[in-house]
N, C-alpha and C. Protein backbone atom coordinates (compact mmCIF):
# COMPACT_ATOMS: atom_id res chain seq x y z
N UNK A 1 -3.92 -19.33 -1.19
CA UNK A 1 -2.71 -19.12 -0.05
C UNK A 1 -3.39 -17.83 -0.49
N UNK A 2 -1.96 -17.04 0.73
CA UNK A 2 -2.39 -15.57 1.11
C UNK A 2 -1.58 -14.77 0.93
N UNK A 3 -2.23 -14.15 0.83
CA UNK A 3 -1.29 -12.39 0.05
C UNK A 3 -1.98 -11.28 1.38
N UNK A 4 -0.73 -10.85 1.71
CA UNK A 4 -0.76 -9.98 2.81
C UNK A 4 -0.50 -8.77 1.53
N UNK A 5 -1.53 -7.56 1.52
CA UNK A 5 -1.30 -5.90 0.97
C UNK A 5 -1.26 -5.25 2.38
N UNK A 6 0.59 -4.55 1.99
CA UNK A 6 0.82 -3.55 3.17
C UNK A 6 0.98 -2.18 2.66
N UNK A 7 0.15 -1.69 3.71
CA UNK A 7 0.77 0.22 3.04
C UNK A 7 1.66 0.79 3.11
N UNK A 8 2.37 1.39 2.67
CA UNK A 8 3.47 2.23 3.09
C UNK A 8 3.85 2.70 4.49
N UNK A 9 4.60 2.74 4.98
CA UNK A 9 4.66 4.09 5.83
C UNK A 9 4.74 5.55 5.39
N UNK A 10 5.10 6.40 5.90
CA UNK A 10 5.07 7.79 6.04
C UNK A 10 5.49 8.40 5.45
N UNK A 11 5.26 8.88 3.84
CA UNK A 11 6.60 10.01 3.35
C UNK A 11 6.46 10.92 3.29
N UNK A 12 7.59 11.74 2.59
CA UNK A 12 8.43 13.31 3.09
C UNK A 12 6.61 13.36 2.29
N UNK A 13 6.38 15.23 2.60
CA UNK A 13 5.70 15.55 1.71
C UNK A 13 7.30 16.27 0.46
N UNK A 14 6.55 16.16 -1.25
CA UNK A 14 7.82 16.24 -2.15
C UNK A 14 6.89 16.66 -3.75
N UNK A 15 7.13 18.23 -3.87
CA UNK A 15 7.27 18.50 -5.18
C UNK A 15 8.30 18.54 -6.33
N UNK A 16 7.87 18.24 -7.17
CA UNK A 16 8.74 18.83 -8.08
C UNK A 16 8.62 19.98 -9.25
N UNK A 17 9.89 20.45 -9.67
CA UNK A 17 9.69 21.94 -10.50
C UNK A 17 9.54 21.61 -11.93
N UNK A 18 10.04 20.45 -12.14
CA UNK A 18 10.11 20.08 -13.81
C UNK A 18 9.29 20.13 -14.36
N UNK A 19 7.90 18.73 -13.10
CA UNK A 19 6.94 18.19 -13.54
C UNK A 19 7.01 16.53 -14.01
N UNK A 20 8.28 15.92 -12.88
CA UNK A 20 8.74 15.08 -13.50
C UNK A 20 8.31 13.74 -12.10
N UNK A 21 7.88 13.13 -11.52
CA UNK A 21 7.21 12.43 -10.96
C UNK A 21 7.96 12.44 -9.72
N UNK A 22 6.81 13.14 -8.30
CA UNK A 22 7.24 13.67 -7.22
C UNK A 22 8.34 12.06 -6.26
N UNK A 23 7.99 11.08 -6.69
CA UNK A 23 8.30 10.02 -5.74
C UNK A 23 8.88 9.39 -4.43
N UNK A 24 8.39 10.38 -3.64
CA UNK A 24 9.23 10.53 -2.10
C UNK A 24 9.90 9.68 -1.33
N UNK A 25 10.66 9.34 -0.96
CA UNK A 25 10.94 8.69 -0.34
C UNK A 25 10.41 9.12 1.47
N UNK A 26 10.60 7.82 2.52
CA UNK A 26 9.77 7.85 3.85
C UNK A 26 10.44 8.97 4.47
N UNK A 27 9.37 9.17 5.84
CA UNK A 27 9.56 10.39 6.67
C UNK A 27 10.51 9.42 7.78
N UNK A 28 10.87 10.06 8.71
CA UNK A 28 11.60 9.54 10.02
C UNK A 28 10.50 8.65 10.28
N UNK A 29 9.08 9.27 10.50
CA UNK A 29 8.75 8.39 10.54
C UNK A 29 8.07 6.62 9.94
N UNK A 30 8.02 7.54 8.80
CA UNK A 30 7.84 5.90 7.95
C UNK A 30 9.24 5.07 8.15
N UNK A 31 10.00 5.52 7.97
CA UNK A 31 11.03 4.70 8.71
C UNK A 31 10.38 3.86 9.64
N UNK A 32 10.28 4.50 10.93
CA UNK A 32 10.06 3.26 11.46
C UNK A 32 9.01 2.78 11.91
N UNK A 33 7.91 2.87 11.04
CA UNK A 33 6.23 2.30 10.75
C UNK A 33 7.15 1.03 10.12
N UNK A 34 7.72 1.20 9.18
CA UNK A 34 8.76 0.08 8.05
C UNK A 34 9.06 -0.82 8.96
N UNK A 35 10.00 -0.33 9.84
CA UNK A 35 10.68 -1.00 11.10
C UNK A 35 9.31 -1.68 11.84
N UNK A 36 8.74 -1.60 12.43
CA UNK A 36 8.10 -2.11 13.08
C UNK A 36 6.87 -3.61 12.24
N UNK A 37 6.56 -3.17 10.69
CA UNK A 37 5.65 -3.61 10.06
C UNK A 37 6.58 -4.67 9.83
N UNK A 38 8.24 -4.69 9.43
CA UNK A 38 9.27 -5.54 8.75
C UNK A 38 8.85 -6.84 10.38
N UNK A 39 8.96 -6.22 11.54
CA UNK A 39 9.53 -7.02 12.62
C UNK A 39 8.00 -7.50 12.83
N UNK A 40 7.53 -7.19 12.82
CA UNK A 40 5.28 -7.89 13.04
C UNK A 40 5.46 -8.90 12.40
N UNK A 41 5.98 -8.91 10.75
CA UNK A 41 5.10 -10.21 9.68
C UNK A 41 6.97 -11.01 9.35
N UNK A 42 7.94 -10.94 10.16
CA UNK A 42 8.94 -11.69 10.20
C UNK A 42 8.28 -12.65 11.05
N UNK A 43 8.04 -12.90 11.75
CA UNK A 43 7.19 -14.41 12.14
C UNK A 43 6.52 -14.94 11.85
N UNK A 44 6.04 -14.37 10.34
CA UNK A 44 5.32 -15.28 9.85
C UNK A 44 5.84 -16.09 8.74
N UNK A 45 5.36 -17.12 8.08
CA UNK A 45 6.28 -17.64 7.30
C UNK A 45 6.09 -16.87 6.05
N UNK A 46 6.52 -15.76 5.81
CA UNK A 46 6.47 -14.86 4.13
C UNK A 46 7.36 -16.04 2.97
N UNK A 47 6.91 -16.29 1.69
CA UNK A 47 7.38 -17.13 1.07
C UNK A 47 8.17 -16.20 0.36
N UNK A 48 7.58 -14.89 -0.30
CA UNK A 48 8.06 -13.99 -1.66
C UNK A 48 7.53 -12.70 -1.05
N UNK A 49 8.75 -11.75 -1.05
CA UNK A 49 8.05 -10.13 -0.90
C UNK A 49 8.08 -9.36 -2.34
N UNK A 50 6.97 -9.03 -2.28
CA UNK A 50 6.68 -7.96 -3.73
C UNK A 50 6.53 -6.75 -3.31
N UNK A 51 6.70 -6.19 -3.96
CA UNK A 51 6.56 -4.37 -3.32
C UNK A 51 6.34 -3.44 -5.29
N UNK A 52 5.99 -2.53 -5.17
CA UNK A 52 5.45 -0.94 -5.78
C UNK A 52 7.12 -1.08 -6.18
N UNK A 53 7.56 0.08 -7.43
CA UNK A 53 8.31 0.08 -7.17
C UNK A 53 8.64 1.32 -6.87
N UNK A 54 7.67 1.73 -6.42
CA UNK A 54 7.77 4.14 -6.31
C UNK A 54 8.11 3.68 -4.36
N UNK A 55 9.67 4.77 -4.52
CA UNK A 55 9.75 4.87 -3.46
C UNK A 55 10.07 4.36 -2.31
N UNK A 56 8.99 5.03 -1.77
CA UNK A 56 7.83 4.86 -0.50
C UNK A 56 8.06 3.22 0.04
N UNK A 57 7.27 2.70 -1.13
CA UNK A 57 6.73 1.05 -1.39
C UNK A 57 8.29 -0.08 -0.66
N UNK A 58 9.22 0.57 -1.46
CA UNK A 58 9.96 -0.86 -1.35
C UNK A 58 10.92 -0.32 -0.18
N UNK A 59 10.77 1.36 -0.02
CA UNK A 59 11.98 1.34 1.32
C UNK A 59 10.92 1.04 2.58
N UNK A 60 9.92 0.57 2.57
CA UNK A 60 8.92 -0.46 3.16
C UNK A 60 8.97 -1.62 3.58
N UNK A 61 9.56 -2.51 2.25
CA UNK A 61 9.55 -3.48 2.43
C UNK A 61 10.75 -3.82 2.65
N UNK A 62 12.22 -3.57 3.00
CA UNK A 62 13.47 -3.56 3.49
C UNK A 62 13.50 -4.13 4.50
N UNK A 63 13.16 -3.38 5.83
CA UNK A 63 13.08 -4.55 6.59
C UNK A 63 12.24 -5.36 6.93
N UNK A 64 11.76 -6.24 6.44
CA UNK A 64 11.47 -7.17 6.22
C UNK A 64 12.06 -8.55 5.62
N UNK A 65 12.29 -8.00 3.98
CA UNK A 65 12.89 -8.26 3.54
C UNK A 65 14.48 -8.81 4.09
N UNK A 66 15.14 -7.32 5.05
CA UNK A 66 16.35 -8.33 5.24
C UNK A 66 16.05 -9.11 6.53
N UNK A 67 15.04 -9.09 6.92
CA UNK A 67 14.51 -10.28 8.85
C UNK A 67 14.59 -11.61 7.83
N UNK A 68 14.01 -11.33 6.90
CA UNK A 68 13.39 -12.83 6.10
C UNK A 68 14.38 -13.52 5.18
N UNK A 69 15.76 -12.88 4.84
CA UNK A 69 16.84 -13.13 3.82
C UNK A 69 15.87 -13.80 2.82
N UNK A 70 14.50 -12.18 2.57
CA UNK A 70 14.40 -12.60 0.74
C UNK A 70 14.71 -10.85 -0.15
N UNK A 71 14.52 -11.55 -1.26
CA UNK A 71 14.95 -10.74 -2.17
C UNK A 71 13.75 -9.57 -2.42
N UNK A 72 13.38 -8.51 -2.46
CA UNK A 72 12.00 -7.52 -3.01
C UNK A 72 12.08 -8.03 -4.96
N UNK A 73 10.90 -8.79 -5.10
CA UNK A 73 10.60 -8.78 -6.45
C UNK A 73 9.69 -7.26 -6.90
N UNK A 74 9.70 -6.82 -7.73
CA UNK A 74 8.97 -5.43 -8.20
C UNK A 74 7.67 -6.25 -8.75
N UNK A 75 6.85 -5.19 -8.73
CA UNK A 75 5.83 -5.39 -9.70
C UNK A 75 4.89 -3.42 -10.08
N UNK A 76 5.26 -3.61 -11.16
CA UNK A 76 4.92 -2.42 -11.65
C UNK A 76 3.11 -2.57 -11.91
N UNK A 77 3.07 -3.13 -11.99
CA UNK A 77 1.13 -2.91 -11.98
C UNK A 77 0.81 -2.49 -10.78
N UNK A 78 1.17 -2.10 -9.58
CA UNK A 78 1.09 -1.77 -8.27
C UNK A 78 1.39 -0.42 -7.55
N UNK A 79 1.44 0.05 -8.71
CA UNK A 79 1.74 1.25 -8.14
C UNK A 79 0.82 2.18 -7.68
N UNK A 80 1.20 3.42 -7.76
CA UNK A 80 0.38 4.29 -6.80
C UNK A 80 -0.90 4.83 -8.07
N UNK A 81 -2.07 5.53 -8.36
CA UNK A 81 -2.43 6.24 -9.37
C UNK A 81 -2.06 7.76 -9.26
N UNK A 82 -1.33 7.51 -8.62
CA UNK A 82 -0.10 9.18 -8.66
C UNK A 82 0.97 9.07 -9.01
N UNK A 83 1.39 7.94 -9.79
CA UNK A 83 2.32 7.71 -9.81
C UNK A 83 3.26 8.98 -10.65
N UNK A 84 2.61 9.25 -11.38
CA UNK A 84 3.56 10.08 -12.49
C UNK A 84 3.13 11.81 -12.18
N UNK A 85 2.57 12.08 -10.84
CA UNK A 85 2.26 12.98 -10.45
C UNK A 85 3.66 13.82 -9.68
N UNK A 86 3.96 15.21 -10.39
CA UNK A 86 5.00 15.85 -9.84
C UNK A 86 4.65 16.74 -8.10
N UNK A 87 3.48 16.27 -7.59
CA UNK A 87 3.62 16.73 -6.04
C UNK A 87 2.53 15.33 -5.79
N UNK A 88 3.58 15.63 -4.01
CA UNK A 88 3.05 13.79 -3.57
C UNK A 88 2.76 15.43 -2.10
N UNK A 89 1.57 15.21 -1.40
CA UNK A 89 1.37 15.63 0.15
C UNK A 89 0.33 14.45 0.76
N UNK A 90 0.85 14.27 1.73
CA UNK A 90 0.22 13.31 3.47
C UNK A 90 -1.09 13.07 2.78
N UNK A 91 -2.05 12.25 3.27
CA UNK A 91 -3.48 12.77 3.14
C UNK A 91 -3.72 13.76 4.76
N UNK A 92 -3.09 13.72 5.22
CA UNK A 92 -3.50 14.17 6.91
C UNK A 92 -3.02 15.74 6.43
N UNK A 93 -1.65 15.49 5.79
CA UNK A 93 -1.70 16.62 5.02
C UNK A 93 -2.22 17.84 4.39
N UNK A 94 -2.64 16.88 3.68
CA UNK A 94 -3.74 17.50 2.25
C UNK A 94 -4.71 18.10 3.06
N UNK A 95 -5.52 16.89 4.87
CA UNK A 95 -7.40 17.40 5.06
C UNK A 95 -6.83 18.99 5.53
N UNK A 96 -5.49 18.75 6.65
CA UNK A 96 -5.35 19.46 7.60
C UNK A 96 -4.82 21.23 6.10
N UNK A 97 -3.92 21.25 5.53
CA UNK A 97 -3.63 22.46 4.90
C UNK A 97 -4.30 23.05 3.84
N UNK A 98 -4.98 21.66 3.02
CA UNK A 98 -6.51 21.43 1.39
C UNK A 98 -7.24 21.33 2.34
N UNK A 99 -8.60 21.94 2.54
CA UNK A 99 -9.35 21.05 3.06
C UNK A 99 -10.37 20.61 1.93
N UNK A 100 -10.12 21.56 0.85
CA UNK A 100 -11.59 21.98 -0.19
C UNK A 100 -10.84 20.54 -0.96
N UNK A 101 -9.19 20.48 -0.92
CA UNK A 101 -8.87 19.64 -1.88
C UNK A 101 -8.81 18.19 -1.26
N UNK A 102 -8.71 18.13 -0.21
CA UNK A 102 -9.31 16.56 0.22
C UNK A 102 -10.34 16.57 0.47
N UNK A 103 -11.62 17.53 0.42
CA UNK A 103 -13.06 16.85 -0.11
C UNK A 103 -13.74 16.36 -1.25
N UNK A 104 -12.85 17.04 -1.84
CA UNK A 104 -12.92 17.02 -2.98
C UNK A 104 -12.67 15.81 -3.90
N UNK A 105 -11.23 15.59 -3.19
CA UNK A 105 -10.92 13.67 -3.60
C UNK A 105 -11.83 12.48 -3.00
N UNK A 106 -12.02 12.89 -2.22
CA UNK A 106 -13.03 11.52 -1.04
C UNK A 106 -14.24 11.82 -1.49
N UNK A 107 -14.76 12.72 -2.19
CA UNK A 107 -15.92 12.47 -2.54
C UNK A 107 -15.80 11.94 -4.81
N UNK A 108 -14.10 11.56 -4.65
CA UNK A 108 -13.84 11.16 -6.24
C UNK A 108 -13.33 11.49 -7.11
N UNK A 109 -12.99 13.14 -6.26
CA UNK A 109 -11.89 13.29 -7.34
C UNK A 109 -10.78 13.88 -7.30
N UNK A 110 -9.93 11.82 -7.50
CA UNK A 110 -9.24 11.57 -7.46
C UNK A 110 -7.75 11.86 -8.06
N UNK A 111 -7.90 12.29 -9.55
CA UNK A 111 -7.17 12.98 -9.97
C UNK A 111 -7.84 13.28 -11.72
N UNK A 112 -6.89 14.70 -11.94
CA UNK A 112 -8.23 14.82 -13.08
C UNK A 112 -6.84 14.28 -14.24
N UNK A 113 -6.12 13.84 -13.71
CA UNK A 113 -5.06 13.34 -14.71
C UNK A 113 -4.85 11.92 -15.22
N UNK A 114 -5.63 11.57 -13.77
CA UNK A 114 -5.98 9.79 -13.75
C UNK A 114 -7.17 9.17 -14.23
N UNK A 115 -6.94 8.07 -14.83
CA UNK A 115 -8.55 6.59 -15.26
C UNK A 115 -8.75 6.02 -14.25
N UNK A 116 -9.33 6.57 -13.03
CA UNK A 116 -9.59 5.88 -11.99
C UNK A 116 -9.97 3.83 -11.81
N UNK A 117 -10.72 4.31 -13.27
CA UNK A 117 -11.33 2.70 -13.64
C UNK A 117 -9.89 2.07 -14.32
N UNK A 118 -9.12 2.59 -15.24
CA UNK A 118 -8.34 2.12 -15.52
C UNK A 118 -6.92 1.59 -14.84
N UNK A 119 -6.54 2.56 -13.76
CA UNK A 119 -6.26 1.67 -12.66
C UNK A 119 -6.03 0.70 -11.54
N UNK A 120 -7.42 1.00 -11.43
CA UNK A 120 -8.53 -0.21 -10.71
C UNK A 120 -7.95 -1.68 -11.18
N UNK A 121 -8.47 -1.71 -12.62
CA UNK A 121 -8.09 -2.81 -13.86
C UNK A 121 -6.22 -3.17 -13.65
N UNK A 122 -5.59 -2.66 -13.89
CA UNK A 122 -4.24 -2.78 -13.74
C UNK A 122 -3.80 -3.16 -12.29
N UNK A 123 -4.67 -2.49 -11.47
CA UNK A 123 -3.72 -2.37 -10.03
C UNK A 123 -4.55 -4.53 -9.87
N UNK A 124 -5.28 -4.32 -10.47
CA UNK A 124 -6.32 -6.12 -9.64
C UNK A 124 -5.73 -7.08 -11.10
N UNK A 125 -5.49 -6.91 -11.91
CA UNK A 125 -5.15 -7.34 -12.89
C UNK A 125 -3.46 -7.63 -12.31
N UNK A 126 -2.57 -7.05 -11.38
CA UNK A 126 -0.98 -7.01 -11.47
C UNK A 126 -1.25 -8.41 -9.69
N UNK A 127 -1.84 -7.74 -8.93
CA UNK A 127 -2.04 -8.21 -8.13
C UNK A 127 -2.71 -9.61 -8.52
N UNK A 128 -3.77 -10.11 -9.19
CA UNK A 128 -4.43 -11.66 -9.61
C UNK A 128 -3.10 -12.05 -10.27
N UNK A 129 -1.96 -12.01 -10.74
CA UNK A 129 -0.85 -12.39 -11.71
C UNK A 129 -0.14 -13.17 -10.60
N UNK A 130 -0.05 -12.69 -9.60
CA UNK A 130 0.58 -12.99 -8.22
C UNK A 130 -0.25 -13.59 -7.55
N UNK A 131 -1.01 -13.31 -7.25
CA UNK A 131 -2.33 -14.98 -6.85
C UNK A 131 -1.72 -15.69 -7.25
N UNK A 132 -1.80 -16.01 -8.98
CA UNK A 132 -1.85 -17.18 -9.80
C UNK A 132 -0.18 -17.58 -9.42
N UNK A 133 0.80 -16.92 -9.88
CA UNK A 133 1.99 -17.54 -9.30
C UNK A 133 2.74 -18.31 -8.43
N UNK A 134 1.82 -17.94 -6.72
CA UNK A 134 2.41 -18.33 -6.02
C UNK A 134 0.91 -19.33 -5.14
N UNK A 135 0.54 -20.60 -5.87
CA UNK A 135 -0.47 -21.42 -5.28
C UNK A 135 0.26 -21.91 -3.78
N UNK A 136 -0.69 -21.86 -2.70
CA UNK A 136 -0.41 -22.35 -1.79
C UNK A 136 0.53 -21.91 -0.90
N UNK A 137 1.35 -20.49 -1.48
CA UNK A 137 1.99 -20.10 -0.42
C UNK A 137 1.35 -18.65 0.18
N UNK A 138 2.75 -17.69 0.43
CA UNK A 138 2.19 -16.60 1.77
C UNK A 138 2.92 -15.53 1.46
N UNK A 139 2.72 -14.64 0.66
CA UNK A 139 3.91 -13.29 -0.30
C UNK A 139 2.82 -12.14 0.70
N UNK A 140 3.93 -11.07 0.69
CA UNK A 140 4.15 -10.08 1.36
C UNK A 140 3.66 -9.15 -0.42
N UNK A 141 2.62 -7.96 0.04
CA UNK A 141 3.21 -6.97 -1.29
C UNK A 141 3.37 -5.32 -0.67
N UNK A 142 4.13 -4.69 -0.44
CA UNK A 142 4.12 -3.79 -0.16
C UNK A 142 3.73 -2.57 -1.41
N UNK A 143 2.31 -2.21 -1.20
CA UNK A 143 2.34 -1.08 -1.86
C UNK A 143 1.18 -0.17 -1.31
N UNK A 144 0.15 0.21 -2.59
CA UNK A 144 -0.38 1.90 -1.83
C UNK A 144 -1.98 1.61 -1.36
N UNK A 145 -2.61 2.42 -1.09
CA UNK A 145 -4.03 2.70 -0.06
C UNK A 145 -4.70 2.64 -1.61
N UNK A 146 -4.82 3.47 -2.54
CA UNK A 146 -5.64 2.51 -3.64
C UNK A 146 -5.52 1.72 -4.19
N UNK A 147 -4.21 1.01 -4.44
CA UNK A 147 -4.11 -0.20 -4.35
C UNK A 147 -4.45 -1.33 -3.68
N UNK A 148 -4.60 -1.15 -2.40
CA UNK A 148 -5.42 -1.81 -1.57
C UNK A 148 -7.07 -1.82 -1.61
N UNK A 149 -7.51 -0.33 -1.92
CA UNK A 149 -8.73 -0.30 -2.35
C UNK A 149 -9.16 -0.96 -3.82
N UNK A 150 -8.51 -1.15 -4.64
CA UNK A 150 -8.49 -1.76 -5.51
C UNK A 150 -8.88 -3.33 -5.33
N UNK A 151 -8.05 -4.31 -5.08
CA UNK A 151 -8.33 -4.94 -4.47
C UNK A 151 -9.32 -5.38 -3.68
N UNK A 152 -9.39 -4.34 -2.81
CA UNK A 152 -10.55 -5.04 -1.64
C UNK A 152 -11.96 -4.57 -2.25
N UNK A 153 -12.35 -3.81 -3.05
CA UNK A 153 -13.99 -3.57 -3.74
C UNK A 153 -13.25 -4.61 -4.42
N UNK A 154 -12.53 -5.19 -5.23
CA UNK A 154 -12.95 -6.52 -6.25
C UNK A 154 -13.15 -7.45 -5.95
N UNK A 155 -12.47 -8.37 -4.63
CA UNK A 155 -12.63 -8.66 -3.76
C UNK A 155 -14.25 -9.03 -3.19
N UNK A 156 -14.59 -8.26 -2.74
CA UNK A 156 -15.96 -7.88 -2.50
C UNK A 156 -17.07 -7.57 -3.20
N UNK A 157 -17.29 -7.38 -4.28
CA UNK A 157 -17.89 -7.67 -6.14
C UNK A 157 -18.91 -6.06 -5.80
N UNK A 158 -18.04 -5.12 -5.63
CA UNK A 158 -19.07 -3.54 -4.72
C UNK A 158 -17.77 -2.61 -5.87
N UNK A 159 -18.85 -0.99 -6.52
CA UNK A 159 -17.95 -0.96 -7.38
C UNK A 159 -16.30 -0.05 -7.21
N UNK A 160 -15.69 0.05 -7.44
CA UNK A 160 -14.17 0.57 -7.24
C UNK A 160 -14.60 1.69 -6.73
N UNK A 161 -14.03 1.96 -5.98
CA UNK A 161 -13.62 3.53 -4.56
C UNK A 161 -12.92 3.87 -3.85
N UNK A 162 -12.68 4.74 -3.05
CA UNK A 162 -11.26 4.37 -2.60
C UNK A 162 -12.50 4.84 -1.44
N UNK A 163 -12.81 3.47 -0.36
CA UNK A 163 -13.67 2.99 0.68
C UNK A 163 -12.84 3.03 1.91
N UNK A 164 -11.68 2.31 1.95
CA UNK A 164 -10.82 1.98 3.42
C UNK A 164 -9.69 3.19 3.02
N UNK A 165 -9.52 3.94 4.60
CA UNK A 165 -8.57 4.65 4.47
C UNK A 165 -7.50 3.96 5.78
N UNK A 166 -7.05 3.39 4.71
CA UNK A 166 -5.31 2.34 4.79
C UNK A 166 -4.39 2.92 5.39
N UNK A 167 -4.16 2.91 6.84
CA UNK A 167 -3.44 3.72 8.21
C UNK A 167 -1.33 3.61 7.08
N UNK A 168 -1.00 4.08 7.49
CA UNK A 168 0.34 4.31 7.04
C UNK A 168 0.83 2.94 7.65
N UNK A 169 1.77 1.49 6.21
CA UNK A 169 2.22 0.75 7.31
C UNK A 169 1.09 -0.35 7.96
N UNK A 170 -0.64 0.03 7.76
CA UNK A 170 -1.42 -1.02 8.08
C UNK A 170 -0.78 -2.63 7.23
N UNK A 171 -1.43 -3.23 7.74
CA UNK A 171 -1.54 -4.99 7.30
C UNK A 171 -2.69 -4.92 6.66
N UNK A 172 -2.96 -5.57 5.51
CA UNK A 172 -4.52 -5.78 5.20
C UNK A 172 -4.23 -7.82 4.45
N UNK A 173 -5.53 -8.40 4.98
CA UNK A 173 -5.08 -9.76 4.69
C UNK A 173 -5.77 -10.71 3.44
N UNK A 174 -5.74 -10.92 2.50
CA UNK A 174 -6.83 -12.12 2.23
C UNK A 174 -6.45 -12.90 1.52
N UNK A 175 -6.93 -14.26 1.27
CA UNK A 175 -7.27 -15.45 1.00
C UNK A 175 -7.76 -15.53 -0.83
N UNK A 176 -6.95 -16.50 -0.79
CA UNK A 176 -7.66 -17.01 -2.67
C UNK A 176 -7.03 -18.12 -2.73
N UNK A 177 -8.01 -18.88 -2.84
CA UNK A 177 -8.78 -19.75 -3.39
C UNK A 177 -8.16 -20.77 -5.15
N UNK A 178 -7.86 -22.15 -5.27
CA UNK A 178 -7.08 -22.54 -6.75
C UNK A 178 -9.28 -22.48 -7.25
N UNK A 179 -9.46 -22.67 -6.72
CA UNK A 179 -10.91 -22.42 -7.12
C UNK A 179 -11.45 -21.28 -7.64
N UNK A 180 -11.46 -20.17 -7.47
CA UNK A 180 -11.74 -18.96 -7.67
C UNK A 180 -12.10 -18.24 -6.67
N UNK A 181 -11.89 -18.52 -5.48
CA UNK A 181 -12.55 -18.40 -4.55
C UNK A 181 -12.11 -17.00 -3.64
N UNK A 182 -12.45 -16.05 -3.16
CA UNK A 182 -11.39 -14.58 -2.67
C UNK A 182 -11.88 -13.80 -1.32
N UNK A 183 -11.47 -14.19 -0.26
CA UNK A 183 -11.91 -13.88 0.56
C UNK A 183 -11.17 -12.35 1.58
N UNK A 184 -11.44 -11.63 2.58
CA UNK A 184 -10.54 -10.68 2.87
C UNK A 184 -10.76 -11.09 4.65
N UNK A 185 -9.72 -11.32 5.03
CA UNK A 185 -9.29 -12.16 6.74
C UNK A 185 -9.32 -10.54 7.64
N UNK A 186 -8.70 -9.83 6.94
CA UNK A 186 -8.37 -8.52 7.94
C UNK A 186 -8.20 -7.64 7.14
N UNK A 187 -8.38 -6.18 7.47
CA UNK A 187 -8.25 -4.69 6.74
C UNK A 187 -7.31 -3.82 8.12
N UNK A 188 -6.58 -2.92 7.73
CA UNK A 188 -5.80 -2.02 8.73
C UNK A 188 -5.54 -2.92 9.87
N UNK A 189 -5.14 -3.79 9.93
CA UNK A 189 -4.04 -4.16 11.30
C UNK A 189 -3.28 -2.78 11.67
N UNK A 190 -3.09 -2.38 12.51
CA UNK A 190 -2.10 -0.85 12.70
C UNK A 190 -1.60 -1.67 14.26
N UNK A 191 -1.62 -3.38 14.99
CA UNK A 191 -0.89 -3.93 16.15
C UNK A 191 0.25 -3.86 16.30
N UNK A 192 0.67 -3.68 15.19
CA UNK A 192 2.85 -3.36 14.87
C UNK A 192 3.02 -1.62 15.81
N UNK A 193 2.14 -1.32 15.43
CA UNK A 193 2.32 0.70 15.49
C UNK A 193 1.96 1.30 17.19
N UNK A 194 1.71 0.16 17.65
CA UNK A 194 1.24 0.48 19.34
C UNK A 194 2.97 0.84 19.94
N UNK A 195 3.69 0.74 19.75
CA UNK A 195 5.39 1.11 19.97
C UNK A 195 4.90 2.79 20.21
N UNK A 196 5.07 3.19 19.05
CA UNK A 196 5.19 4.68 19.44
C UNK A 196 4.34 5.02 19.41
N UNK A 197 3.03 4.52 19.28
CA UNK A 197 1.77 5.46 20.66
C UNK A 197 2.37 5.29 21.43
N UNK A 198 2.50 4.84 22.02
CA UNK A 198 3.46 4.73 23.55
C UNK A 198 4.60 5.44 24.02
N UNK A 199 5.26 5.43 22.97
CA UNK A 199 6.30 6.35 23.06
C UNK A 199 5.89 7.96 22.75
N UNK A 200 5.04 8.29 22.29
CA UNK A 200 3.90 9.70 21.43
C UNK A 200 3.88 10.38 23.25
N UNK A 201 3.02 9.22 23.58
CA UNK A 201 2.16 9.62 25.07
C UNK A 201 3.56 9.76 26.09
N UNK A 202 4.76 9.38 26.26
CA UNK A 202 5.49 9.51 27.42
C UNK A 202 5.28 11.05 27.51
């Protein structure tokens, strides 16, 4: 079976005052990215569509679901490791506005509130459940950069870490055989986002 992991589009920056999870929606750019990745994948035979319950992932899944005539099914275990954080800052903004925090993050300081190993175990367990439930099918899972890194390191058999800078609305393809073999077909596909770059250059 083939499992396509899609990172959500660009969200807005959001922080809450009462400590509740920020869970931001997509920005205007993110909505356009969601439209483009939906159109790109609509030409493939997608059997089922899954999503993290976080708003930015679910909104990214909607265009493909509409074009494919499929319902979006939620998988709680593929939420991002910052799901409970009261603040969301897109990584590009974090690097530009808070370079020391960004440096700490990429060096492994993901969050003082997060057990990263437990996050990886939960994410890989959730994705493995989807693999087991869909033999010989092609599924799309709309999730997060941390989840994509967790599964990629699991497939590669290396220590869990954020080694891949997954682009917003990128497509990442994995194969899974019933005998247990796992492989990576592609990482960080972004060709479908070229129309946005072309418009920006005009």
